[in-house]
């Protein structure tokens, strides 16, 4: 029975930690993924017009 209680306690701790870190990242304002950041060097700084 103590193993079950320990497992439930650790699960609740992990869930709480995940939720806190998720909320912190959402409030941080950076909603970009690593794939988007990897493409930043390919973005044009000044768009060219063909006129």
N, C-alpha and C. Protein backbone atom coordinates (compact mmCIF):
# COMPACT_ATOMS: atom_id res chain seq x y z
N UNK A 1 0.82 -1.20 0.00
CA UNK A 1 0.00 0.00 0.00
C UNK A 1 0.86 1.26 0.00
N UNK A 2 2.00 1.22 0.68
CA UNK A 2 2.86 2.41 0.73
C UNK A 2 3.48 2.70 -0.64
N UNK A 3 3.72 1.64 -1.43
CA UNK A 3 4.27 1.85 -2.77
C UNK A 3 3.24 2.56 -3.65
N UNK A 4 1.99 2.23 -3.49
CA UNK A 4 0.92 2.88 -4.26
C UNK A 4 0.82 4.36 -3.88
N UNK A 5 0.87 4.65 -2.60
CA UNK A 5 0.80 6.04 -2.15
C UNK A 5 2.01 6.84 -2.64
N UNK A 6 3.18 6.22 -2.60
CA UNK A 6 4.38 6.89 -3.09
C UNK A 6 4.27 7.17 -4.59
N UNK A 7 3.76 6.22 -5.35
CA UNK A 7 3.59 6.39 -6.79
C UNK A 7 2.60 7.52 -7.08
N UNK A 8 1.51 7.55 -6.37
CA UNK A 8 0.52 8.61 -6.57
C UNK A 8 1.11 9.97 -6.20
N UNK A 9 1.83 10.03 -5.11
CA UNK A 9 2.45 11.29 -4.69
C UNK A 9 3.45 11.79 -5.73
N UNK A 10 4.32 10.91 -6.21
CA UNK A 10 5.30 11.32 -7.22
C UNK A 10 4.63 11.72 -8.52
N UNK A 11 3.56 11.06 -8.89
CA UNK A 11 2.82 11.42 -10.10
C UNK A 11 2.22 12.82 -9.97
N UNK A 12 1.66 13.11 -8.82
CA UNK A 12 1.09 14.45 -8.60
C UNK A 12 2.17 15.53 -8.60
N UNK A 13 3.33 15.22 -8.06
CA UNK A 13 4.44 16.17 -8.08
C UNK A 13 4.87 16.44 -9.52
N UNK A 14 4.99 15.40 -10.33
CA UNK A 14 5.39 15.58 -11.72
C UNK A 14 4.35 16.35 -12.52
N UNK A 15 3.08 16.07 -12.29
CA UNK A 15 2.02 16.80 -12.99
C UNK A 15 2.05 18.27 -12.61
N UNK A 16 2.22 18.55 -11.33
CA UNK A 16 2.28 19.94 -10.87
C UNK A 16 3.48 20.66 -11.47
N UNK A 17 4.61 19.99 -11.50
CA UNK A 17 5.82 20.57 -12.09
C UNK A 17 5.61 20.86 -13.57
N UNK A 18 5.02 19.94 -14.30
CA UNK A 18 4.76 20.14 -15.71
C UNK A 18 3.84 21.34 -15.93
N UNK A 19 2.77 21.43 -15.15
CA UNK A 19 1.82 22.54 -15.32
C UNK A 19 2.49 23.88 -15.01
N UNK A 20 3.28 23.92 -13.94
CA UNK A 20 3.97 25.17 -13.60
C UNK A 20 4.95 25.60 -14.68
N UNK A 21 5.72 24.66 -15.20
CA UNK A 21 6.67 24.99 -16.27
C UNK A 21 5.96 25.39 -17.55
N UNK A 22 4.84 24.74 -17.85
CA UNK A 22 4.07 25.08 -19.04
C UNK A 22 3.52 26.50 -18.95
N UNK A 23 2.95 26.84 -17.81
CA UNK A 23 2.40 28.18 -17.61
C UNK A 23 3.52 29.23 -17.67
N UNK A 24 4.67 28.91 -17.11
CA UNK A 24 5.80 29.84 -17.15
C UNK A 24 6.23 30.11 -18.59
N UNK A 25 6.31 29.08 -19.41
CA UNK A 25 6.70 29.25 -20.81
C UNK A 25 5.66 30.04 -21.59
N UNK A 26 4.39 29.81 -21.31
CA UNK A 26 3.33 30.54 -22.01
C UNK A 26 3.36 32.02 -21.65
N UNK A 27 3.68 32.34 -20.41
CA UNK A 27 3.75 33.74 -19.98
C UNK A 27 5.02 34.42 -20.46
N UNK A 28 6.01 33.64 -20.80
CA UNK A 28 7.29 34.18 -21.24
C UNK A 28 7.14 34.95 -22.55
N UNK A 29 6.18 34.57 -23.38
CA UNK A 29 5.94 35.29 -24.62
C UNK A 29 6.67 34.73 -25.81
N UNK A 30 7.48 33.73 -25.62
CA UNK A 30 8.19 33.13 -26.75
C UNK A 30 7.44 31.87 -27.15
N UNK A 31 6.67 31.97 -28.21
CA UNK A 31 5.86 30.84 -28.64
C UNK A 31 6.47 30.20 -29.88
N UNK A 32 7.77 30.25 -30.00
CA UNK A 32 8.43 29.69 -31.17
C UNK A 32 9.02 28.34 -30.82
N UNK A 33 9.08 27.50 -31.80
CA UNK A 33 9.69 26.19 -31.60
C UNK A 33 11.13 26.23 -32.11
N UNK A 34 11.88 25.21 -31.82
CA UNK A 34 13.27 25.17 -32.27
C UNK A 34 13.36 25.07 -33.79
N UNK A 35 12.34 24.46 -34.42
CA UNK A 35 12.34 24.39 -35.88
C UNK A 35 12.17 25.78 -36.49
N UNK A 36 11.34 26.61 -35.90
CA UNK A 36 11.16 27.97 -36.40
C UNK A 36 12.43 28.78 -36.19
N UNK A 37 13.07 28.62 -35.06
CA UNK A 37 14.31 29.35 -34.79
C UNK A 37 15.42 28.93 -35.75
N UNK A 38 15.41 27.69 -36.17
CA UNK A 38 16.44 27.21 -37.10
C UNK A 38 16.29 27.85 -38.47
N UNK A 39 15.09 28.31 -38.83
CA UNK A 39 14.86 28.92 -40.13
C UNK A 39 15.10 30.42 -40.14
N UNK A 40 15.38 31.03 -39.02
CA UNK A 40 15.58 32.47 -38.96
C UNK A 40 16.67 32.99 -39.89
N UNK A 41 17.80 32.32 -40.05
CA UNK A 41 18.82 32.85 -40.97
C UNK A 41 18.35 32.94 -42.41
N UNK A 42 17.28 32.24 -42.79
CA UNK A 42 16.81 32.25 -44.16
C UNK A 42 15.77 33.33 -44.43
N UNK A 43 15.32 34.04 -43.41
CA UNK A 43 14.35 35.11 -43.62
C UNK A 43 15.07 36.33 -44.18
N UNK A 44 14.44 36.99 -45.16
CA UNK A 44 15.00 38.21 -45.73
C UNK A 44 14.81 39.36 -44.76
N UNK A 45 15.89 40.13 -44.58
CA UNK A 45 15.77 41.28 -43.69
C UNK A 45 15.08 42.43 -44.40
N UNK A 46 15.42 42.68 -45.68
CA UNK A 46 14.70 43.69 -46.45
C UNK A 46 14.13 42.99 -47.68
N UNK A 47 12.82 42.93 -47.75
CA UNK A 47 12.20 42.28 -48.91
C UNK A 47 12.52 43.05 -50.19
N UNK A 48 12.84 42.32 -51.22
CA UNK A 48 13.17 42.95 -52.51
C UNK A 48 11.93 43.04 -53.37
N UNK A 49 11.82 44.13 -54.09
CA UNK A 49 10.73 44.25 -55.06
C UNK A 49 11.33 44.18 -56.45
N UNK A 50 10.63 43.54 -57.36
CA UNK A 50 11.14 43.34 -58.73
C UNK A 50 10.67 44.44 -59.66
N UNK A 51 10.57 45.68 -59.20
CA UNK A 51 10.09 46.74 -60.08
C UNK A 51 11.21 47.57 -60.62
